[in-house]
N, C-alpha and C. Protein backbone atom coordinates (compact mmCIF):
# COMPACT_ATOMS: atom_id res chain seq x y z
N UNK A 1 99.65 106.42 98.46
CA UNK A 1 99.41 105.99 97.10
C UNK A 1 99.42 107.21 96.17
N UNK A 2 100.00 107.02 94.97
CA UNK A 2 99.88 108.13 94.04
C UNK A 2 98.54 108.07 93.34
N UNK A 3 98.29 109.03 92.44
CA UNK A 3 96.98 109.13 91.82
C UNK A 3 96.60 107.86 91.07
N UNK A 4 97.51 107.36 90.22
CA UNK A 4 97.21 106.18 89.43
C UNK A 4 97.09 104.95 90.33
N UNK A 5 97.95 104.86 91.33
CA UNK A 5 97.88 103.73 92.26
C UNK A 5 96.56 103.74 93.02
N UNK A 6 96.09 104.91 93.39
CA UNK A 6 94.81 105.02 94.08
C UNK A 6 93.67 104.56 93.18
N UNK A 7 93.72 104.94 91.89
CA UNK A 7 92.71 104.48 90.95
C UNK A 7 92.75 102.96 90.84
N UNK A 8 93.96 102.40 90.77
CA UNK A 8 94.12 100.95 90.70
C UNK A 8 93.53 100.28 91.92
N UNK A 9 93.86 100.77 93.11
CA UNK A 9 93.35 100.17 94.34
C UNK A 9 91.83 100.23 94.40
N UNK A 10 91.26 101.37 93.99
CA UNK A 10 89.81 101.51 93.99
C UNK A 10 89.17 100.53 93.01
N UNK A 11 89.79 100.37 91.84
CA UNK A 11 89.25 99.46 90.84
C UNK A 11 89.31 98.02 91.32
N UNK A 12 90.40 97.64 91.97
CA UNK A 12 90.52 96.28 92.50
C UNK A 12 89.44 96.03 93.55
N UNK A 13 89.32 96.97 94.50
CA UNK A 13 88.34 96.80 95.57
C UNK A 13 86.93 96.72 95.01
N UNK A 14 86.61 97.56 94.04
CA UNK A 14 85.28 97.56 93.45
C UNK A 14 84.99 96.25 92.75
N UNK A 15 85.95 95.75 91.98
CA UNK A 15 85.72 94.54 91.19
C UNK A 15 85.58 93.31 92.08
N UNK A 16 86.42 93.18 93.10
CA UNK A 16 86.35 91.98 93.92
C UNK A 16 85.17 92.03 94.89
N UNK A 17 84.78 93.23 95.32
CA UNK A 17 83.66 93.33 96.24
C UNK A 17 82.34 93.12 95.53
N UNK A 18 82.23 93.62 94.30
CA UNK A 18 80.97 93.51 93.56
C UNK A 18 80.74 92.10 93.05
N UNK A 19 81.79 91.30 92.93
CA UNK A 19 81.63 89.93 92.46
C UNK A 19 81.19 89.03 93.60
N UNK A 20 80.14 88.19 93.38
CA UNK A 20 79.72 87.27 94.44
C UNK A 20 80.79 86.22 94.70
N UNK A 21 80.93 85.85 95.97
CA UNK A 21 81.89 84.82 96.35
C UNK A 21 81.25 83.47 96.14
N UNK A 22 81.81 82.71 95.18
CA UNK A 22 81.22 81.42 94.84
C UNK A 22 82.29 80.34 94.92
N UNK A 23 81.88 79.12 94.76
CA UNK A 23 82.81 78.00 94.83
C UNK A 23 83.68 77.93 93.58
N UNK A 24 83.31 78.63 92.51
CA UNK A 24 84.08 78.64 91.29
C UNK A 24 85.51 79.11 91.58
N UNK A 25 86.48 78.27 91.21
CA UNK A 25 87.88 78.58 91.51
C UNK A 25 88.59 79.26 90.35
N UNK A 26 87.86 79.69 89.33
CA UNK A 26 88.49 80.31 88.18
C UNK A 26 89.15 81.62 88.60
N UNK A 27 90.27 81.92 87.96
CA UNK A 27 91.06 83.10 88.27
C UNK A 27 90.99 84.07 87.10
N UNK A 28 90.64 85.31 87.39
CA UNK A 28 90.64 86.36 86.38
C UNK A 28 91.95 87.14 86.49
N UNK A 29 92.54 87.45 85.33
CA UNK A 29 93.78 88.21 85.29
C UNK A 29 93.56 89.46 84.45
N UNK A 30 93.93 90.62 85.01
CA UNK A 30 93.77 91.90 84.31
C UNK A 30 95.06 92.70 84.44
N UNK A 31 95.27 93.59 83.47
CA UNK A 31 96.47 94.42 83.49
C UNK A 31 96.14 95.79 82.92
N UNK A 32 96.95 96.78 83.26
CA UNK A 32 96.76 98.12 82.73
C UNK A 32 98.08 98.87 82.74
N UNK A 33 98.13 99.95 81.98
CA UNK A 33 99.29 100.84 81.96
C UNK A 33 98.80 102.26 82.08
N UNK A 34 99.63 103.14 82.64
CA UNK A 34 99.19 104.51 82.88
C UNK A 34 100.36 105.48 82.83
N UNK A 35 100.05 106.73 82.54
CA UNK A 35 101.03 107.80 82.61
C UNK A 35 100.38 108.96 83.36
N UNK A 36 101.13 109.61 84.22
CA UNK A 36 100.62 110.74 85.00
C UNK A 36 101.62 111.89 84.90
N UNK A 37 101.12 113.10 84.96
CA UNK A 37 101.97 114.28 84.82
C UNK A 37 102.86 114.49 86.04
N UNK A 38 102.57 113.81 87.16
CA UNK A 38 103.38 113.92 88.38
C UNK A 38 103.16 112.67 89.22
N UNK A 39 104.10 112.38 90.12
CA UNK A 39 103.95 111.29 91.06
C UNK A 39 103.34 111.87 92.34
N UNK A 40 102.03 111.90 92.38
CA UNK A 40 101.32 112.45 93.53
C UNK A 40 101.08 111.34 94.54
N UNK A 41 101.62 111.53 95.74
CA UNK A 41 101.52 110.52 96.80
C UNK A 41 101.12 111.20 98.10
N UNK A 42 99.90 110.96 98.52
CA UNK A 42 99.41 111.48 99.80
C UNK A 42 99.61 112.99 99.92
N UNK A 43 99.22 113.68 98.85
CA UNK A 43 99.27 115.13 98.84
C UNK A 43 100.62 115.72 98.51
N UNK A 44 101.62 114.88 98.19
CA UNK A 44 102.96 115.36 97.90
C UNK A 44 103.41 114.92 96.50
N UNK A 45 104.07 115.84 95.79
CA UNK A 45 104.63 115.53 94.48
C UNK A 45 106.03 114.97 94.69
N UNK A 46 106.17 113.65 94.67
CA UNK A 46 107.45 113.02 94.95
C UNK A 46 108.43 113.13 93.79
N UNK A 47 107.93 113.42 92.61
CA UNK A 47 108.80 113.51 91.45
C UNK A 47 109.22 114.92 91.10
N UNK A 48 108.86 115.90 91.94
CA UNK A 48 109.22 117.29 91.71
C UNK A 48 108.81 117.75 90.32
N UNK A 49 107.59 117.38 89.91
CA UNK A 49 107.06 117.81 88.62
C UNK A 49 107.33 116.87 87.47
N UNK A 50 108.14 115.82 87.69
CA UNK A 50 108.44 114.87 86.61
C UNK A 50 107.27 113.91 86.41
N UNK A 51 106.95 113.55 85.16
CA UNK A 51 105.88 112.58 84.92
C UNK A 51 106.27 111.19 85.38
N UNK A 52 105.28 110.34 85.58
CA UNK A 52 105.51 108.96 86.03
C UNK A 52 104.76 108.00 85.13
N UNK A 53 105.42 106.92 84.78
CA UNK A 53 104.83 105.85 83.98
C UNK A 53 104.67 104.63 84.87
N UNK A 54 103.53 103.96 84.79
CA UNK A 54 103.28 102.81 85.67
C UNK A 54 102.48 101.74 84.95
N UNK A 55 102.47 100.56 85.53
CA UNK A 55 101.69 99.45 85.01
C UNK A 55 101.40 98.45 86.11
N UNK A 56 100.42 97.60 85.88
CA UNK A 56 100.06 96.62 86.90
C UNK A 56 99.51 95.37 86.26
N UNK A 57 99.55 94.30 87.01
CA UNK A 57 98.88 93.05 86.65
C UNK A 57 98.27 92.46 87.92
N UNK A 58 97.00 92.07 87.84
CA UNK A 58 96.24 91.64 89.02
C UNK A 58 95.52 90.33 88.71
N UNK A 59 95.62 89.39 89.62
CA UNK A 59 94.87 88.14 89.54
C UNK A 59 93.84 88.13 90.66
N UNK A 60 92.61 87.73 90.34
CA UNK A 60 91.55 87.72 91.36
C UNK A 60 90.68 86.48 91.21
N UNK A 61 90.16 86.03 92.33
CA UNK A 61 89.25 84.89 92.36
C UNK A 61 88.32 85.06 93.55
N UNK A 62 87.00 85.11 93.28
CA UNK A 62 86.07 85.39 94.35
C UNK A 62 86.35 86.77 94.91
N UNK A 63 86.59 86.89 96.19
CA UNK A 63 86.92 88.18 96.78
C UNK A 63 88.41 88.40 96.99
N UNK A 64 89.22 87.39 96.66
CA UNK A 64 90.66 87.50 96.89
C UNK A 64 91.37 88.03 95.66
N UNK A 65 92.48 88.73 95.86
CA UNK A 65 93.25 89.26 94.74
C UNK A 65 94.71 89.42 95.15
N UNK A 66 95.58 89.46 94.15
CA UNK A 66 97.01 89.68 94.38
C UNK A 66 97.60 90.20 93.08
N UNK A 67 98.69 90.95 93.20
CA UNK A 67 99.30 91.47 91.98
C UNK A 67 100.55 92.27 92.23
N UNK A 68 101.00 92.93 91.17
CA UNK A 68 102.19 93.77 91.23
C UNK A 68 101.93 95.07 90.49
N UNK A 69 102.40 96.16 91.06
CA UNK A 69 102.30 97.48 90.45
C UNK A 69 103.71 98.06 90.37
N UNK A 70 104.09 98.56 89.19
CA UNK A 70 105.42 99.11 89.02
C UNK A 70 105.37 100.51 88.45
N UNK A 71 106.39 101.33 88.81
CA UNK A 71 106.41 102.72 88.38
C UNK A 71 107.83 103.17 88.11
N UNK A 72 107.95 104.19 87.25
CA UNK A 72 109.26 104.81 87.00
C UNK A 72 109.79 105.50 88.24
N UNK A 73 108.95 105.67 89.25
CA UNK A 73 109.41 106.09 90.57
C UNK A 73 109.48 107.58 90.78
N UNK A 74 110.20 107.97 91.87
CA UNK A 74 110.28 109.37 92.26
C UNK A 74 111.74 109.80 92.34
N UNK A 75 111.95 111.08 92.62
CA UNK A 75 113.30 111.64 92.64
C UNK A 75 114.17 111.05 93.74
N UNK A 76 113.58 110.76 94.89
CA UNK A 76 114.38 110.33 96.04
C UNK A 76 114.71 108.84 96.02
N UNK A 77 113.74 108.00 95.66
CA UNK A 77 113.91 106.55 95.80
C UNK A 77 114.11 105.82 94.48
N UNK A 78 113.86 106.48 93.34
CA UNK A 78 114.05 105.83 92.06
C UNK A 78 112.91 104.90 91.70
N UNK A 79 113.20 103.91 90.87
CA UNK A 79 112.17 102.98 90.41
C UNK A 79 111.51 102.25 91.57
N UNK A 80 110.26 101.88 91.35
CA UNK A 80 109.48 101.26 92.43
C UNK A 80 108.61 100.16 91.88
N UNK A 81 108.49 99.07 92.64
CA UNK A 81 107.42 98.12 92.36
C UNK A 81 106.81 97.67 93.69
N UNK A 82 105.49 97.47 93.66
CA UNK A 82 104.74 97.11 94.85
C UNK A 82 104.09 95.75 94.66
N UNK A 83 104.19 94.91 95.66
CA UNK A 83 103.51 93.62 95.69
C UNK A 83 102.35 93.71 96.67
N UNK A 84 101.19 93.21 96.28
CA UNK A 84 100.03 93.34 97.16
C UNK A 84 99.15 92.11 97.08
N UNK A 85 98.40 91.89 98.16
CA UNK A 85 97.41 90.82 98.22
C UNK A 85 96.33 91.25 99.19
N UNK A 86 95.08 90.87 98.88
CA UNK A 86 94.00 91.29 99.76
C UNK A 86 92.72 90.53 99.52
N UNK A 87 91.71 90.94 100.25
CA UNK A 87 90.39 90.31 100.14
C UNK A 87 89.33 91.37 100.39
N UNK A 88 88.27 91.36 99.57
CA UNK A 88 87.18 92.30 99.72
C UNK A 88 85.83 91.59 99.74
N UNK A 89 84.88 92.15 100.47
CA UNK A 89 83.55 91.55 100.57
C UNK A 89 82.52 92.64 100.86
N UNK A 90 81.27 92.31 100.60
CA UNK A 90 80.16 93.23 100.89
C UNK A 90 79.19 92.54 101.82
N UNK A 91 78.78 93.25 102.87
CA UNK A 91 77.86 92.69 103.84
C UNK A 91 76.81 93.73 104.20
N UNK A 92 75.58 93.50 103.76
CA UNK A 92 74.50 94.41 104.11
C UNK A 92 74.72 95.84 103.64
N UNK A 93 75.29 96.02 102.47
CA UNK A 93 75.54 97.35 101.94
C UNK A 93 76.85 97.97 102.38
N UNK A 94 77.56 97.30 103.28
CA UNK A 94 78.86 97.79 103.75
C UNK A 94 79.96 97.00 103.06
N UNK A 95 80.90 97.69 102.45
CA UNK A 95 82.02 97.04 101.79
C UNK A 95 83.24 97.08 102.70
N UNK A 96 83.96 95.97 102.73
CA UNK A 96 85.17 95.86 103.54
C UNK A 96 86.28 95.29 102.69
N UNK A 97 87.44 95.91 102.73
CA UNK A 97 88.59 95.42 101.99
C UNK A 97 89.83 95.52 102.86
N UNK A 98 90.59 94.44 102.95
CA UNK A 98 91.84 94.45 103.71
C UNK A 98 92.95 93.92 102.81
N UNK A 99 94.09 94.58 102.82
CA UNK A 99 95.19 94.16 101.96
C UNK A 99 96.52 94.48 102.62
N UNK A 100 97.56 93.82 102.12
CA UNK A 100 98.94 94.08 102.54
C UNK A 100 99.74 94.49 101.31
N UNK A 101 100.46 95.60 101.42
CA UNK A 101 101.29 96.11 100.32
C UNK A 101 102.74 96.14 100.77
N UNK A 102 103.61 95.68 99.90
CA UNK A 102 105.05 95.75 100.14
C UNK A 102 105.68 96.62 99.05
N UNK A 103 106.40 97.66 99.47
CA UNK A 103 106.99 98.63 98.55
C UNK A 103 108.48 98.34 98.40
N UNK A 104 108.92 98.17 97.16
CA UNK A 104 110.31 97.81 96.89
C UNK A 104 110.93 98.86 95.97
N UNK A 105 112.15 99.31 96.33
CA UNK A 105 112.88 100.33 95.57
C UNK A 105 114.25 99.78 95.20
N UNK A 106 114.37 99.12 94.07
CA UNK A 106 115.64 98.46 93.71
C UNK A 106 116.83 99.41 93.62
N UNK A 107 116.60 100.66 93.25
CA UNK A 107 117.71 101.60 93.09
C UNK A 107 118.38 101.95 94.41
N UNK A 108 117.72 101.68 95.54
CA UNK A 108 118.31 102.01 96.83
C UNK A 108 119.34 100.97 97.29
N UNK A 109 119.37 99.83 96.61
CA UNK A 109 120.35 98.82 96.98
C UNK A 109 119.83 97.86 98.03
N UNK A 110 120.69 96.92 98.42
CA UNK A 110 120.28 95.85 99.32
C UNK A 110 119.92 96.33 100.72
N UNK A 111 120.48 97.47 101.15
CA UNK A 111 120.26 97.91 102.53
C UNK A 111 118.87 98.49 102.75
N UNK A 112 118.26 99.09 101.70
CA UNK A 112 116.97 99.76 101.89
C UNK A 112 115.93 99.43 100.83
N UNK A 113 116.31 98.75 99.77
CA UNK A 113 115.38 98.60 98.66
C UNK A 113 114.88 97.21 98.41
N UNK A 114 115.02 96.30 99.36
CA UNK A 114 114.65 94.92 99.13
C UNK A 114 113.28 94.59 99.70
N UNK A 115 112.83 93.38 99.39
CA UNK A 115 111.51 92.91 99.81
C UNK A 115 111.38 92.95 101.33
N UNK A 116 110.20 93.41 101.79
CA UNK A 116 109.81 93.45 103.21
C UNK A 116 110.47 94.59 103.99
N UNK A 117 111.24 95.46 103.32
CA UNK A 117 111.81 96.60 104.03
C UNK A 117 110.74 97.63 104.39
N UNK A 118 109.71 97.74 103.56
CA UNK A 118 108.65 98.71 103.81
C UNK A 118 107.31 98.08 103.43
N UNK A 119 106.45 97.90 104.42
CA UNK A 119 105.17 97.23 104.19
C UNK A 119 104.07 97.94 104.97
N UNK A 120 102.86 97.89 104.41
CA UNK A 120 101.68 98.46 105.06
C UNK A 120 100.53 97.47 105.01
N UNK A 121 99.72 97.50 106.04
CA UNK A 121 98.43 96.82 106.01
C UNK A 121 97.37 97.90 105.86
N UNK A 122 96.41 97.66 104.98
CA UNK A 122 95.42 98.68 104.63
C UNK A 122 94.02 98.11 104.84
N UNK A 123 93.21 98.83 105.58
CA UNK A 123 91.82 98.44 105.83
C UNK A 123 90.90 99.54 105.34
N UNK A 124 89.95 99.17 104.49
CA UNK A 124 89.00 100.14 103.95
C UNK A 124 87.57 99.67 104.22
N UNK A 125 86.73 100.58 104.70
CA UNK A 125 85.32 100.30 104.95
C UNK A 125 84.50 101.36 104.24
N UNK A 126 83.54 100.93 103.44
CA UNK A 126 82.74 101.87 102.67
C UNK A 126 81.25 101.62 102.83
N UNK A 127 80.51 102.70 102.68
CA UNK A 127 79.04 102.60 102.69
C UNK A 127 78.51 103.65 101.72
N UNK A 128 77.83 103.20 100.70
CA UNK A 128 77.35 104.14 99.68
C UNK A 128 78.54 104.80 99.00
N UNK A 129 78.52 106.12 98.86
CA UNK A 129 79.61 106.80 98.16
C UNK A 129 80.82 107.11 99.05
N UNK A 130 80.75 106.79 100.34
CA UNK A 130 81.79 107.19 101.29
C UNK A 130 82.63 105.99 101.72
N UNK A 131 83.94 106.20 101.82
CA UNK A 131 84.85 105.15 102.28
C UNK A 131 85.89 105.74 103.22
N UNK A 132 86.22 104.99 104.26
CA UNK A 132 87.27 105.36 105.19
C UNK A 132 88.37 104.30 105.08
N UNK A 133 89.62 104.75 104.90
CA UNK A 133 90.73 103.83 104.69
C UNK A 133 91.85 104.15 105.66
N UNK A 134 92.37 103.10 106.31
CA UNK A 134 93.42 103.26 107.32
C UNK A 134 94.65 102.48 106.87
N UNK A 135 95.81 103.15 106.88
CA UNK A 135 97.08 102.55 106.47
C UNK A 135 98.02 102.51 107.69
N UNK A 136 98.60 101.33 107.95
CA UNK A 136 99.50 101.20 109.09
C UNK A 136 100.78 100.53 108.64
N UNK A 137 101.91 101.24 108.82
CA UNK A 137 103.21 100.66 108.49
C UNK A 137 103.53 99.53 109.47
N UNK A 138 103.75 98.34 108.95
CA UNK A 138 104.09 97.20 109.80
C UNK A 138 105.54 96.80 109.63
N UNK A 139 106.26 97.44 108.69
CA UNK A 139 107.69 97.20 108.50
C UNK A 139 108.30 98.41 107.81
N UNK A 140 109.46 98.83 108.26
CA UNK A 140 110.19 99.89 107.60
C UNK A 140 109.99 101.26 108.20
N UNK A 141 108.81 101.53 108.70
CA UNK A 141 108.54 102.85 109.29
C UNK A 141 107.42 102.71 110.31
N UNK A 142 107.59 101.81 111.26
CA UNK A 142 106.55 101.59 112.25
C UNK A 142 106.35 102.86 113.07
N UNK A 143 105.10 103.07 113.44
CA UNK A 143 104.75 104.32 114.12
C UNK A 143 104.17 105.35 113.19
N UNK A 144 104.16 105.05 111.89
CA UNK A 144 103.56 105.94 110.90
C UNK A 144 102.22 105.36 110.46
N UNK A 145 101.19 106.18 110.49
CA UNK A 145 99.88 105.78 109.98
C UNK A 145 99.32 106.89 109.09
N UNK A 146 98.36 106.50 108.27
CA UNK A 146 97.75 107.43 107.33
C UNK A 146 96.27 107.08 107.25
N UNK A 147 95.42 108.09 107.26
CA UNK A 147 93.97 107.88 107.26
C UNK A 147 93.33 108.76 106.20
N UNK A 148 92.42 108.18 105.41
CA UNK A 148 91.69 108.97 104.43
C UNK A 148 90.20 108.77 104.60
N UNK A 149 89.47 109.81 104.29
CA UNK A 149 88.01 109.77 104.17
C UNK A 149 87.69 110.28 102.78
N UNK A 150 87.06 109.45 101.98
CA UNK A 150 86.79 109.82 100.59
C UNK A 150 85.35 109.59 100.21
N UNK A 151 84.91 110.31 99.18
CA UNK A 151 83.55 110.16 98.67
C UNK A 151 83.57 110.35 97.16
N UNK A 152 82.71 109.60 96.47
CA UNK A 152 82.57 109.71 95.03
C UNK A 152 81.12 110.03 94.68
N UNK A 153 80.97 111.00 93.79
CA UNK A 153 79.64 111.40 93.32
C UNK A 153 79.70 111.48 91.80
N UNK A 154 79.36 110.35 91.16
CA UNK A 154 79.47 110.29 89.72
C UNK A 154 80.92 110.39 89.30
N UNK A 155 81.22 111.35 88.44
CA UNK A 155 82.59 111.53 87.95
C UNK A 155 83.47 112.31 88.92
N UNK A 156 82.88 112.86 89.96
CA UNK A 156 83.63 113.72 90.90
C UNK A 156 83.97 112.95 92.17
N UNK A 157 85.10 113.30 92.78
CA UNK A 157 85.52 112.65 94.02
C UNK A 157 86.23 113.65 94.91
N UNK A 158 86.25 113.38 96.20
CA UNK A 158 86.97 114.19 97.17
C UNK A 158 87.58 113.27 98.20
N UNK A 159 88.85 113.53 98.56
CA UNK A 159 89.55 112.72 99.55
C UNK A 159 90.29 113.62 100.52
N UNK A 160 90.06 113.40 101.80
CA UNK A 160 90.80 114.10 102.85
C UNK A 160 91.73 113.09 103.49
N UNK A 161 93.02 113.39 103.51
CA UNK A 161 93.99 112.47 104.08
C UNK A 161 94.83 113.14 105.15
N UNK A 162 95.19 112.40 106.19
CA UNK A 162 96.00 112.95 107.27
C UNK A 162 97.02 111.91 107.72
N UNK A 163 98.25 112.37 108.02
CA UNK A 163 99.32 111.49 108.46
C UNK A 163 99.52 111.59 109.96
N UNK A 164 100.15 110.56 110.53
CA UNK A 164 100.49 110.56 111.95
C UNK A 164 101.82 109.85 112.13
N UNK A 165 102.79 110.55 112.72
CA UNK A 165 104.12 109.98 113.00
C UNK A 165 104.39 110.05 114.49
N UNK A 166 104.69 108.91 115.09
CA UNK A 166 104.95 108.87 116.53
C UNK A 166 106.22 109.61 116.91
N UNK A 167 107.22 109.58 116.02
CA UNK A 167 108.54 110.08 116.39
C UNK A 167 108.95 111.36 115.68
N UNK A 168 108.00 112.09 115.10
CA UNK A 168 108.37 113.32 114.39
C UNK A 168 107.23 114.32 114.45
N UNK A 169 107.53 115.54 113.99
CA UNK A 169 106.53 116.61 114.03
C UNK A 169 106.19 117.09 112.62
N UNK A 170 106.24 116.18 111.64
CA UNK A 170 105.97 116.57 110.27
C UNK A 170 104.62 116.07 109.77
N UNK A 171 103.65 115.95 110.67
CA UNK A 171 102.31 115.54 110.26
C UNK A 171 101.64 116.64 109.44
N UNK A 172 100.79 116.21 108.54
CA UNK A 172 100.06 117.17 107.71
C UNK A 172 98.76 116.53 107.23
N UNK A 173 97.88 117.37 106.70
CA UNK A 173 96.63 116.91 106.11
C UNK A 173 96.49 117.54 104.73
N UNK A 174 95.84 116.82 103.83
CA UNK A 174 95.67 117.33 102.47
C UNK A 174 94.26 117.01 101.97
N UNK A 175 93.84 117.76 100.97
CA UNK A 175 92.54 117.55 100.34
C UNK A 175 92.75 117.38 98.85
N UNK A 176 92.24 116.28 98.30
CA UNK A 176 92.31 116.01 96.86
C UNK A 176 90.90 116.08 96.27
N UNK A 177 90.77 116.80 95.17
CA UNK A 177 89.53 116.86 94.41
C UNK A 177 89.78 116.27 93.04
N UNK A 178 88.96 115.30 92.65
CA UNK A 178 89.19 114.60 91.39
C UNK A 178 88.00 114.67 90.44
N UNK A 179 88.32 114.55 89.17
CA UNK A 179 87.28 114.49 88.14
C UNK A 179 87.72 113.46 87.10
N UNK A 180 86.89 112.45 86.87
CA UNK A 180 87.15 111.42 85.86
C UNK A 180 86.38 111.78 84.60
N UNK A 181 87.11 112.24 83.59
CA UNK A 181 86.46 112.61 82.33
C UNK A 181 85.83 111.39 81.68
N UNK A 182 86.54 110.26 81.74
CA UNK A 182 86.00 108.99 81.27
C UNK A 182 86.75 107.89 82.02
N UNK A 183 86.66 106.66 81.52
CA UNK A 183 87.31 105.55 82.21
C UNK A 183 88.83 105.63 82.15
N UNK A 184 89.37 106.45 81.26
CA UNK A 184 90.81 106.51 81.06
C UNK A 184 91.46 107.79 81.59
N UNK A 185 90.81 108.92 81.38
CA UNK A 185 91.41 110.22 81.66
C UNK A 185 90.84 110.82 82.94
N UNK A 186 91.73 111.24 83.84
CA UNK A 186 91.27 111.84 85.10
C UNK A 186 92.16 113.02 85.48
N UNK A 187 91.61 113.90 86.30
CA UNK A 187 92.30 115.11 86.75
C UNK A 187 92.19 115.19 88.27
N UNK A 188 93.27 115.66 88.91
CA UNK A 188 93.29 115.77 90.37
C UNK A 188 93.91 117.09 90.79
N UNK A 189 93.24 117.78 91.70
CA UNK A 189 93.80 118.93 92.40
C UNK A 189 94.08 118.51 93.83
N UNK A 190 95.31 118.76 94.31
CA UNK A 190 95.69 118.34 95.65
C UNK A 190 96.35 119.51 96.38
N UNK A 191 95.88 119.75 97.62
CA UNK A 191 96.40 120.88 98.39
C UNK A 191 96.57 120.47 99.85
N UNK A 192 97.75 120.76 100.43
CA UNK A 192 97.94 120.60 101.86
C UNK A 192 97.12 121.67 102.57
N UNK A 193 96.28 121.24 103.51
CA UNK A 193 95.37 122.18 104.18
C UNK A 193 95.73 122.40 105.64
N UNK A 194 96.63 121.58 106.17
CA UNK A 194 97.06 121.75 107.56
C UNK A 194 98.38 121.03 107.73
N UNK A 195 99.33 121.64 108.46
CA UNK A 195 100.61 120.98 108.68
C UNK A 195 101.29 121.52 109.93
N UNK A 196 102.16 120.68 110.49
CA UNK A 196 102.99 121.13 111.59
C UNK A 196 104.09 122.05 111.05
N UNK A 197 104.81 122.67 111.93
CA UNK A 197 105.88 123.60 111.55
C UNK A 197 107.09 122.79 111.07
N UNK A 198 107.01 122.34 109.80
CA UNK A 198 108.04 121.47 109.25
C UNK A 198 108.25 121.83 107.79
N UNK A 199 109.50 122.14 107.41
CA UNK A 199 109.77 122.61 106.06
C UNK A 199 109.74 121.50 105.01
N UNK A 200 109.74 120.24 105.43
CA UNK A 200 109.78 119.14 104.49
C UNK A 200 108.47 118.86 103.79
N UNK A 201 107.38 119.49 104.22
CA UNK A 201 106.08 119.30 103.59
C UNK A 201 105.87 120.38 102.54
N UNK A 202 105.61 119.96 101.30
CA UNK A 202 105.37 120.90 100.21
C UNK A 202 103.89 121.28 100.22
N UNK A 203 103.59 122.57 100.44
CA UNK A 203 102.19 122.99 100.51
C UNK A 203 101.74 123.68 99.23
N UNK A 204 102.47 123.49 98.11
CA UNK A 204 102.03 124.03 96.83
C UNK A 204 100.81 123.26 96.32
N UNK A 205 99.98 123.95 95.56
CA UNK A 205 98.84 123.29 94.92
C UNK A 205 99.34 122.41 93.78
N UNK A 206 98.94 121.14 93.78
CA UNK A 206 99.33 120.21 92.72
C UNK A 206 98.16 119.94 91.79
N UNK A 207 98.44 119.96 90.50
CA UNK A 207 97.45 119.61 89.48
C UNK A 207 98.02 118.46 88.66
N UNK A 208 97.32 117.33 88.67
CA UNK A 208 97.84 116.12 88.03
C UNK A 208 96.83 115.61 87.01
N UNK A 209 97.35 115.29 85.83
CA UNK A 209 96.57 114.65 84.78
C UNK A 209 97.07 113.23 84.62
N UNK A 210 96.19 112.26 84.63
CA UNK A 210 96.60 110.86 84.46
C UNK A 210 95.74 110.19 83.40
N UNK A 211 96.37 109.27 82.67
CA UNK A 211 95.69 108.53 81.61
C UNK A 211 96.06 107.07 81.74
N UNK A 212 95.06 106.20 81.84
CA UNK A 212 95.30 104.77 82.00
C UNK A 212 94.52 104.00 80.95
N UNK A 213 95.07 102.85 80.55
CA UNK A 213 94.40 102.00 79.57
C UNK A 213 94.49 100.55 80.02
N UNK A 214 93.43 99.77 79.83
CA UNK A 214 93.52 98.33 80.11
C UNK A 214 94.32 97.63 79.02
N UNK A 215 94.98 96.54 79.39
CA UNK A 215 95.80 95.79 78.44
C UNK A 215 95.20 94.40 78.26
N UNK A 216 95.11 93.95 77.02
CA UNK A 216 94.62 92.61 76.73
C UNK A 216 95.72 91.60 76.99
N UNK A 217 95.37 90.53 77.72
CA UNK A 217 96.35 89.49 78.03
C UNK A 217 96.09 88.25 77.18
C-alpha cells in the first residue's frame, strides 16, 4: 500500500470497527481525494519521485465495507484502481479486520491489467496502539507475502514491514516513521533497513508529504 492508501485502509478499519454492529441496515457512503509527493509502496518509491493523485469512495454498514480506490499510478504499471471489500470487528479490546483487495492496471492491457489478475487477502489484528497486518497474494503473484507491525502514539506512527518471496531472493525490510500534522496533512520517512543482495530494491531514504480531504456526497 502507498502512504495515502495506508491512511485510507486505517481509516476504514477504524470506522467500521468502532461502530457497533446492529440490525440497522443503513449504508454510509464516504469519499476522499488526496495528493502525495511520491507513490510510496511498501518502502519503495514506485513513481521515481513523481507525485501521485488518488481518490476513493467507500460504502459501509455495520462492520462490513466495500469500495474503490484509484490513483494516477506509478512509472511501471501506469494508472491503477483497486476494488476492495472487508469486515472489521472488536472483541474484548482486540480489533480484527479481514479484507480482499484486487489491483487493476488498465494501461497494461488485457493480458496483465484486468480484474482478478492481482489480488490479496489482508488480515489485521490490533490491540491498543499496536497492529499486525498480514498480506497474502492469492492471484497474480502467489508465493509472495508481506507482513507489517505498526504502532500509533498520538500524531506519531511507526511501521516495520518485511516481504517474502518463495521464488526469488529480493526480500527486504523497511521502516516507516510518520507524523500527522492534522487530519489532512501527513509526513512519512521510509528507509529500507535490510535486504538481500538484489539491485532491484531501492534503499534510498524516502520523504513523502501527503494531503487528503473528505468529499461531500
